[in-house]
Amino acid sequence: MKLVLAAAVMVGILAAPAAAAPSAPAAPSAAYAPAPSDKPPFPYADCIKATKKRGESQHYGKWHCDQLVKKGWVRPPKR
């Protein structure tokens, strides 16, 4: 009985490093290729349209887009 228990422990010890070894990261899917406009910075006009679509007031939408300009997510408006 001790022999069977010892064999089970040895199998567990030998299998643990193989199970704990990190697997290689999956390759990114080739099917997803974002369009150039899907990356920041986005146009200011698109930001204003998005805030209207979300139901934000005109004043709050402008403030929101101005904050995103400061963070670099939106290009400044052309004045």
PDB file of N, CA and C in Angstrom:
ATOM      1  N   MET A   1       0.824  -1.185   0.000  1.00  0.00           N
ATOM      2  CA  MET A   1       0.000   0.000   0.000  1.00  0.00           C
ATOM      3  C   MET A   1       0.881   1.267   0.000  1.00  0.00           C
ATOM      4  N   LYS A   2       1.983   1.225   0.774  1.00  0.00           N
ATOM      5  CA  LYS A   2       2.881   2.369   0.826  1.00  0.00           C
ATOM      6  C   LYS A   2       3.532   2.614  -0.528  1.00  0.00           C
ATOM      7  N   LEU A   3       3.772   1.535  -1.260  1.00  0.00           N
ATOM      8  CA  LEU A   3       4.387   1.656  -2.577  1.00  0.00           C
ATOM      9  C   LEU A   3       3.459   2.388  -3.550  1.00  0.00           C
ATOM     10  N   VAL A   4       2.158   2.074  -3.489  1.00  0.00           N
ATOM     11  CA  VAL A   4       1.175   2.726  -4.360  1.00  0.00           C
ATOM     12  C   VAL A   4       1.057   4.201  -4.000  1.00  0.00           C
ATOM     13  N   LEU A   5       1.044   4.503  -2.719  1.00  0.00           N
ATOM     14  CA  LEU A   5       0.955   5.890  -2.271  1.00  0.00           C
ATOM     15  C   LEU A   5       2.202   6.667  -2.701  1.00  0.00           C
ATOM     16  N   ALA A   6       3.369   6.065  -2.557  1.00  0.00           N
ATOM     17  CA  ALA A   6       4.610   6.718  -2.963  1.00  0.00           C
ATOM     18  C   ALA A   6       4.639   6.952  -4.473  1.00  0.00           C
ATOM     19  N   ALA A   7       4.142   5.998  -5.241  1.00  0.00           N
ATOM     20  CA  ALA A   7       4.095   6.162  -6.694  1.00  0.00           C
ATOM     21  C   ALA A   7       3.141   7.289  -7.083  1.00  0.00           C
ATOM     22  N   ALA A   8       2.021   7.386  -6.389  1.00  0.00           N
ATOM     23  CA  ALA A   8       1.057   8.454  -6.684  1.00  0.00           C
ATOM     24  C   ALA A   8       1.647   9.817  -6.363  1.00  0.00           C
ATOM     25  N   VAL A   9       2.376   9.912  -5.266  1.00  0.00           N
ATOM     26  CA  VAL A   9       3.009  11.179  -4.897  1.00  0.00           C
ATOM     27  C   VAL A   9       4.064  11.564  -5.930  1.00  0.00           C
ATOM     28  N   MET A  10       4.853  10.618  -6.373  1.00  0.00           N
ATOM     29  CA  MET A  10       5.892  10.898  -7.365  1.00  0.00           C
ATOM     30  C   MET A  10       5.287  11.361  -8.697  1.00  0.00           C
ATOM     31  N   VAL A  11       4.198  10.707  -9.099  1.00  0.00           N
ATOM     32  CA  VAL A  11       3.532  11.117 -10.336  1.00  0.00           C
ATOM     33  C   VAL A  11       3.004  12.536 -10.192  1.00  0.00           C
ATOM     34  N   GLY A  12       2.449  12.864  -9.042  1.00  0.00           N
ATOM     35  CA  GLY A  12       1.942  14.219  -8.796  1.00  0.00           C
ATOM     36  C   GLY A  12       3.045  15.258  -8.821  1.00  0.00           C
ATOM     37  N   ILE A  13       4.193  14.930  -8.233  1.00  0.00           N
ATOM     38  CA  ILE A  13       5.313  15.866  -8.204  1.00  0.00           C
ATOM     39  C   ILE A  13       5.873  16.085  -9.604  1.00  0.00           C
ATOM     40  N   LEU A  14       5.975  15.018 -10.369  1.00  0.00           N
ATOM     41  CA  LEU A  14       6.516  15.145 -11.719  1.00  0.00           C
ATOM     42  C   LEU A  14       5.551  15.851 -12.665  1.00  0.00           C
ATOM     43  N   ALA A  15       4.263  15.737 -12.431  1.00  0.00           N
ATOM     44  CA  ALA A  15       3.268  16.354 -13.306  1.00  0.00           C
ATOM     45  C   ALA A  15       3.058  17.824 -12.965  1.00  0.00           C
ATOM     46  N   ALA A  16       3.326  18.239 -11.735  1.00  0.00           N
ATOM     47  CA  ALA A  16       3.066  19.616 -11.303  1.00  0.00           C
ATOM     48  C   ALA A  16       3.855  20.642 -12.109  1.00  0.00           C
ATOM     49  N   PRO A  17       5.158  20.490 -12.335  1.00  0.00           N
ATOM     50  CA  PRO A  17       5.862  21.517 -13.123  1.00  0.00           C
ATOM     51  C   PRO A  17       5.339  21.631 -14.553  1.00  0.00           C
ATOM     52  N   ALA A  18       4.917  20.538 -15.141  1.00  0.00           N
ATOM     53  CA  ALA A  18       4.387  20.595 -16.504  1.00  0.00           C
ATOM     54  C   ALA A  18       3.062  21.333 -16.525  1.00  0.00           C
ATOM     55  N   ALA A  19       2.245  21.142 -15.488  1.00  0.00           N
ATOM     56  CA  ALA A  19       0.951  21.823 -15.437  1.00  0.00           C
ATOM     57  C   ALA A  19       1.127  23.294 -15.094  1.00  0.00           C
ATOM     58  N   ALA A  20       2.149  23.627 -14.314  1.00  0.00           N
ATOM     59  CA  ALA A  20       2.351  25.004 -13.896  1.00  0.00           C
ATOM     60  C   ALA A  20       3.123  25.820 -14.923  1.00  0.00           C
ATOM     61  N   ALA A  21       3.680  25.187 -15.926  1.00  0.00           N
ATOM     62  CA  ALA A  21       4.452  25.916 -16.935  1.00  0.00           C
ATOM     63  C   ALA A  21       3.531  26.852 -17.705  1.00  0.00           C
ATOM     64  N   PRO A  22       3.937  28.105 -17.850  1.00  0.00           N
ATOM     65  CA  PRO A  22       3.085  29.045 -18.573  1.00  0.00           C
ATOM     66  C   PRO A  22       2.994  28.677 -20.053  1.00  0.00           C
ATOM     67  N   SER A  23       1.807  28.774 -20.561  1.00  0.00           N
ATOM     68  CA  SER A  23       1.626  28.484 -21.978  1.00  0.00           C
ATOM     69  C   SER A  23       1.971  29.721 -22.800  1.00  0.00           C
ATOM     70  N   ALA A  24       2.292  29.516 -24.026  1.00  0.00           N
ATOM     71  CA  ALA A  24       2.627  30.624 -24.918  1.00  0.00           C
ATOM     72  C   ALA A  24       1.370  31.444 -25.187  1.00  0.00           C
ATOM     73  N   PRO A  25       1.496  32.765 -25.255  1.00  0.00           N
ATOM     74  CA  PRO A  25       0.312  33.582 -25.528  1.00  0.00           C
ATOM     75  C   PRO A  25      -0.239  33.288 -26.924  1.00  0.00           C
ATOM     76  N   ALA A  26      -1.539  33.362 -27.008  1.00  0.00           N
ATOM     77  CA  ALA A  26      -2.195  33.097 -28.288  1.00  0.00           C
ATOM     78  C   ALA A  26      -1.851  34.196 -29.289  1.00  0.00           C
ATOM     79  N   ALA A  27      -1.698  33.818 -30.517  1.00  0.00           N
ATOM     80  CA  ALA A  27      -1.416  34.789 -31.572  1.00  0.00           C
ATOM     81  C   ALA A  27      -2.655  35.631 -31.818  1.00  0.00           C
ATOM     82  N   PRO A  28      -2.496  36.928 -32.069  1.00  0.00           N
ATOM     83  CA  PRO A  28      -3.661  37.757 -32.337  1.00  0.00           C
ATOM     84  C   PRO A  28      -4.386  37.290 -33.594  1.00  0.00           C
ATOM     85  N   SER A  29      -5.669  37.445 -33.563  1.00  0.00           N
ATOM     86  CA  SER A  29      -6.479  37.007 -34.681  1.00  0.00           C
ATOM     87  C   SER A  29      -6.222  37.887 -35.905  1.00  0.00           C
ATOM     88  N   ALA A  30      -6.002  37.264 -37.023  1.00  0.00           N
ATOM     89  CA  ALA A  30      -5.774  38.009 -38.256  1.00  0.00           C
ATOM     90  C   ALA A  30      -7.082  38.570 -38.810  1.00  0.00           C
ATOM     91  N   ALA A  31      -8.214  38.082 -38.303  1.00  0.00           N
ATOM     92  CA  ALA A  31      -9.504  38.542 -38.802  1.00  0.00           C
ATOM     93  C   ALA A  31      -9.797  39.961 -38.329  1.00  0.00           C
ATOM     94  N   TYR A  32      -9.252  40.364 -37.166  1.00  0.00           N
ATOM     95  CA  TYR A  32      -9.517  41.705 -36.649  1.00  0.00           C
ATOM     96  C   TYR A  32      -8.391  42.634 -37.044  1.00  0.00           C
ATOM     97  N   ALA A  33      -8.679  43.536 -37.898  1.00  0.00           N
ATOM     98  CA  ALA A  33      -7.730  44.562 -38.292  1.00  0.00           C
ATOM     99  C   ALA A  33      -8.463  45.897 -38.239  1.00  0.00           C
ATOM    100  N   PRO A  34      -8.268  46.685 -37.162  1.00  0.00           N
ATOM    101  CA  PRO A  34      -9.008  47.927 -37.022  1.00  0.00           C
ATOM    102  C   PRO A  34      -8.668  48.921 -38.131  1.00  0.00           C
ATOM    103  N   ALA A  35      -9.670  49.649 -38.544  1.00  0.00           N
ATOM    104  CA  ALA A  35      -9.473  50.686 -39.550  1.00  0.00           C
ATOM    105  C   ALA A  35      -8.648  51.812 -38.926  1.00  0.00           C
ATOM    106  N   PRO A  36      -7.949  52.586 -39.721  1.00  0.00           N
ATOM    107  CA  PRO A  36      -7.146  53.682 -39.160  1.00  0.00           C
ATOM    108  C   PRO A  36      -7.961  54.672 -38.342  1.00  0.00           C
ATOM    109  N   SER A  37      -9.243  54.858 -38.650  1.00  0.00           N
ATOM    110  CA  SER A  37     -10.066  55.804 -37.909  1.00  0.00           C
ATOM    111  C   SER A  37     -10.546  55.218 -36.585  1.00  0.00           C
ATOM    112  N   ASP A  38     -10.276  53.917 -36.325  1.00  0.00           N
ATOM    113  CA  ASP A  38     -10.693  53.290 -35.082  1.00  0.00           C
ATOM    114  C   ASP A  38      -9.716  53.569 -33.943  1.00  0.00           C
ATOM    115  N   LYS A  39      -8.633  54.266 -34.233  1.00  0.00           N
ATOM    116  CA  LYS A  39      -7.630  54.541 -33.214  1.00  0.00           C
ATOM    117  C   LYS A  39      -7.627  56.027 -32.883  1.00  0.00           C
ATOM    118  N   PRO A  40      -7.324  56.387 -31.640  1.00  0.00           N
ATOM    119  CA  PRO A  40      -7.262  57.809 -31.294  1.00  0.00           C
ATOM    120  C   PRO A  40      -6.081  58.472 -31.969  1.00  0.00           C
ATOM    121  N   PRO A  41      -6.082  59.750 -32.164  1.00  0.00           N
ATOM    122  CA  PRO A  41      -7.122  60.689 -31.761  1.00  0.00           C
ATOM    123  C   PRO A  41      -8.255  60.768 -32.779  1.00  0.00           C
ATOM    124  N   PHE A  42      -9.455  60.867 -32.261  1.00  0.00           N
ATOM    125  CA  PHE A  42     -10.647  60.945 -33.096  1.00  0.00           C
ATOM    126  C   PHE A  42     -10.948  62.400 -33.433  1.00  0.00           C
ATOM    127  N   PRO A  43     -11.660  62.655 -34.524  1.00  0.00           N
ATOM    128  CA  PRO A  43     -12.027  64.037 -34.863  1.00  0.00           C
ATOM    129  C   PRO A  43     -12.976  64.643 -33.824  1.00  0.00           C
ATOM    130  N   TYR A  44     -12.839  65.929 -33.582  1.00  0.00           N
ATOM    131  CA  TYR A  44     -13.676  66.634 -32.606  1.00  0.00           C
ATOM    132  C   TYR A  44     -15.152  66.567 -32.998  1.00  0.00           C
ATOM    133  N   ALA A  45     -15.435  66.687 -34.300  1.00  0.00           N
ATOM    134  CA  ALA A  45     -16.833  66.653 -34.755  1.00  0.00           C
ATOM    135  C   ALA A  45     -17.477  65.303 -34.432  1.00  0.00           C
ATOM    136  N   ASP A  46     -16.707  64.226 -34.559  1.00  0.00           N
ATOM    137  CA  ASP A  46     -17.252  62.905 -34.222  1.00  0.00           C
ATOM    138  C   ASP A  46     -17.558  62.804 -32.734  1.00  0.00           C
ATOM    139  N   CYS A  47     -16.732  63.446 -31.919  1.00  0.00           N
ATOM    140  CA  CYS A  47     -16.964  63.448 -30.482  1.00  0.00           C
ATOM    141  C   CYS A  47     -18.277  64.174 -30.162  1.00  0.00           C
ATOM    142  N   ILE A  48     -18.487  65.324 -30.779  1.00  0.00           N
ATOM    143  CA  ILE A  48     -19.722  66.086 -30.549  1.00  0.00           C
ATOM    144  C   ILE A  48     -20.933  65.264 -30.986  1.00  0.00           C
ATOM    145  N   LYS A  49     -20.850  64.594 -32.142  1.00  0.00           N
ATOM    146  CA  LYS A  49     -21.956  63.752 -32.606  1.00  0.00           C
ATOM    147  C   LYS A  49     -22.234  62.625 -31.621  1.00  0.00           C
ATOM    148  N   ALA A  50     -21.191  62.037 -31.079  1.00  0.00           N
ATOM    149  CA  ALA A  50     -21.356  60.932 -30.130  1.00  0.00           C
ATOM    150  C   ALA A  50     -22.008  61.408 -28.842  1.00  0.00           C
ATOM    151  N   THR A  51     -21.671  62.617 -28.386  1.00  0.00           N
ATOM    152  CA  THR A  51     -22.282  63.114 -27.154  1.00  0.00           C
ATOM    153  C   THR A  51     -23.760  63.410 -27.371  1.00  0.00           C
ATOM    154  N   LYS A  52     -24.115  63.911 -28.561  1.00  0.00           N
ATOM    155  CA  LYS A  52     -25.534  64.140 -28.863  1.00  0.00           C
ATOM    156  C   LYS A  52     -26.286  62.820 -28.903  1.00  0.00           C
ATOM    157  N   LYS A  53     -25.655  61.817 -29.494  1.00  0.00           N
ATOM    158  CA  LYS A  53     -26.283  60.499 -29.595  1.00  0.00           C
ATOM    159  C   LYS A  53     -26.496  59.884 -28.206  1.00  0.00           C
ATOM    160  N   ARG A  54     -25.587  60.172 -27.292  1.00  0.00           N
ATOM    161  CA  ARG A  54     -25.700  59.648 -25.929  1.00  0.00           C
ATOM    162  C   ARG A  54     -26.683  60.444 -25.087  1.00  0.00           C
ATOM    163  N   GLY A  55     -27.181  61.561 -25.608  1.00  0.00           N
ATOM    164  CA  GLY A  55     -28.175  62.351 -24.896  1.00  0.00           C
ATOM    165  C   GLY A  55     -27.588  63.399 -23.966  1.00  0.00           C
ATOM    166  N   GLU A  56     -26.309  63.718 -24.135  1.00  0.00           N
ATOM    167  CA  GLU A  56     -25.697  64.754 -23.305  1.00  0.00           C
ATOM    168  C   GLU A  56     -26.112  66.124 -23.815  1.00  0.00           C
ATOM    169  N   SER A  57     -26.223  67.094 -22.913  1.00  0.00           N
ATOM    170  CA  SER A  57     -26.569  68.451 -23.330  1.00  0.00           C
ATOM    171  C   SER A  57     -25.423  69.023 -24.159  1.00  0.00           C
ATOM    172  N   GLN A  58     -25.716  70.096 -24.886  1.00  0.00           N
ATOM    173  CA  GLN A  58     -24.711  70.693 -25.760  1.00  0.00           C
ATOM    174  C   GLN A  58     -23.527  71.208 -24.934  1.00  0.00           C
ATOM    175  N   HIS A  59     -23.829  71.861 -23.815  1.00  0.00           N
ATOM    176  CA  HIS A  59     -22.772  72.408 -22.964  1.00  0.00           C
ATOM    177  C   HIS A  59     -21.910  71.287 -22.366  1.00  0.00           C
ATOM    178  N   TYR A  60     -22.564  70.259 -21.830  1.00  0.00           N
ATOM    179  CA  TYR A  60     -21.827  69.158 -21.218  1.00  0.00           C
ATOM    180  C   TYR A  60     -21.046  68.371 -22.272  1.00  0.00           C
ATOM    181  N   GLY A  61     -21.623  68.189 -23.468  1.00  0.00           N
ATOM    182  CA  GLY A  61     -20.939  67.483 -24.543  1.00  0.00           C
ATOM    183  C   GLY A  61     -19.666  68.192 -24.968  1.00  0.00           C
ATOM    184  N   LYS A  62     -19.719  69.530 -25.033  1.00  0.00           N
ATOM    185  CA  LYS A  62     -18.527  70.300 -25.386  1.00  0.00           C
ATOM    186  C   LYS A  62     -17.470  70.143 -24.306  1.00  0.00           C
ATOM    187  N   TRP A  63     -17.881  70.226 -23.042  1.00  0.00           N
ATOM    188  CA  TRP A  63     -16.939  70.058 -21.942  1.00  0.00           C
ATOM    189  C   TRP A  63     -16.306  68.664 -21.985  1.00  0.00           C
ATOM    190  N   HIS A  64     -17.139  67.668 -22.221  1.00  0.00           N
ATOM    191  CA  HIS A  64     -16.680  66.276 -22.272  1.00  0.00           C
ATOM    192  C   HIS A  64     -15.634  66.105 -23.382  1.00  0.00           C
ATOM    193  N   CYS A  65     -15.920  66.633 -24.561  1.00  0.00           N
ATOM    194  CA  CYS A  65     -14.975  66.519 -25.681  1.00  0.00           C
ATOM    195  C   CYS A  65     -13.698  67.305 -25.400  1.00  0.00           C
ATOM    196  N   ASP A  66     -13.816  68.457 -24.733  1.00  0.00           N
ATOM    197  CA  ASP A  66     -12.630  69.239 -24.378  1.00  0.00           C
ATOM    198  C   ASP A  66     -11.739  68.454 -23.412  1.00  0.00           C
ATOM    199  N   GLN A  67     -12.350  67.718 -22.506  1.00  0.00           N
ATOM    200  CA  GLN A  67     -11.570  66.892 -21.581  1.00  0.00           C
ATOM    201  C   GLN A  67     -10.850  65.774 -22.343  1.00  0.00           C
ATOM    202  N   LEU A  68     -11.512  65.199 -23.334  1.00  0.00           N
ATOM    203  CA  LEU A  68     -10.896  64.143 -24.134  1.00  0.00           C
ATOM    204  C   LEU A  68      -9.766  64.694 -25.011  1.00  0.00           C
ATOM    205  N   VAL A  69      -9.867  65.976 -25.412  1.00  0.00           N
ATOM    206  CA  VAL A  69      -8.776  66.625 -26.154  1.00  0.00           C
ATOM    207  C   VAL A  69      -7.555  66.725 -25.248  1.00  0.00           C
ATOM    208  N   LYS A  70      -7.772  67.105 -23.979  1.00  0.00           N
ATOM    209  CA  LYS A  70      -6.660  67.222 -23.035  1.00  0.00           C
ATOM    210  C   LYS A  70      -5.963  65.881 -22.815  1.00  0.00           C
ATOM    211  N   LYS A  71      -6.734  64.791 -22.856  1.00  0.00           N
ATOM    212  CA  LYS A  71      -6.158  63.464 -22.652  1.00  0.00           C
ATOM    213  C   LYS A  71      -5.527  62.902 -23.915  1.00  0.00           C
ATOM    214  N   GLY A  72      -5.801  63.540 -25.063  1.00  0.00           N
ATOM    215  CA  GLY A  72      -5.207  63.087 -26.312  1.00  0.00           C
ATOM    216  C   GLY A  72      -6.054  62.090 -27.078  1.00  0.00           C
ATOM    217  N   TRP A  73      -7.292  61.890 -26.656  1.00  0.00           N
ATOM    218  CA  TRP A  73      -8.171  60.933 -27.344  1.00  0.00           C
ATOM    219  C   TRP A  73      -8.884  61.566 -28.528  1.00  0.00           C
ATOM    220  N   VAL A  74      -8.970  62.896 -28.535  1.00  0.00           N
ATOM    221  CA  VAL A  74      -9.690  63.619 -29.593  1.00  0.00           C
ATOM    222  C   VAL A  74      -8.792  64.729 -30.087  1.00  0.00           C
ATOM    223  N   ARG A  75      -8.784  64.937 -31.421  1.00  0.00           N
ATOM    224  CA  ARG A  75      -8.015  66.061 -31.984  1.00  0.00           C
ATOM    225  C   ARG A  75      -8.724  67.367 -31.650  1.00  0.00           C
ATOM    226  N   PRO A  76      -7.983  68.440 -31.436  1.00  0.00           N
ATOM    227  CA  PRO A  76      -8.606  69.727 -31.163  1.00  0.00           C
ATOM    228  C   PRO A  76      -9.468  70.171 -32.340  1.00  0.00           C
ATOM    229  N   PRO A  77     -10.522  70.960 -32.060  1.00  0.00           N
ATOM    230  CA  PRO A  77     -11.382  71.439 -33.144  1.00  0.00           C
ATOM    231  C   PRO A  77     -10.658  72.422 -34.037  1.00  0.00           C
ATOM    232  N   LYS A  78     -11.055  72.454 -35.308  1.00  0.00           N
ATOM    233  CA  LYS A  78     -10.492  73.423 -36.253  1.00  0.00           C
ATOM    234  C   LYS A  78     -11.293  74.704 -36.114  1.00  0.00           C
ATOM    235  N   ARG A  79     -10.630  75.768 -35.734  1.00  0.00           N
ATOM    236  CA  ARG A  79     -11.342  77.041 -35.513  1.00  0.00           C
ATOM    237  C   ARG A  79     -10.919  78.049 -36.511  1.00  0.00           C
TER     238      ARG A  79
END
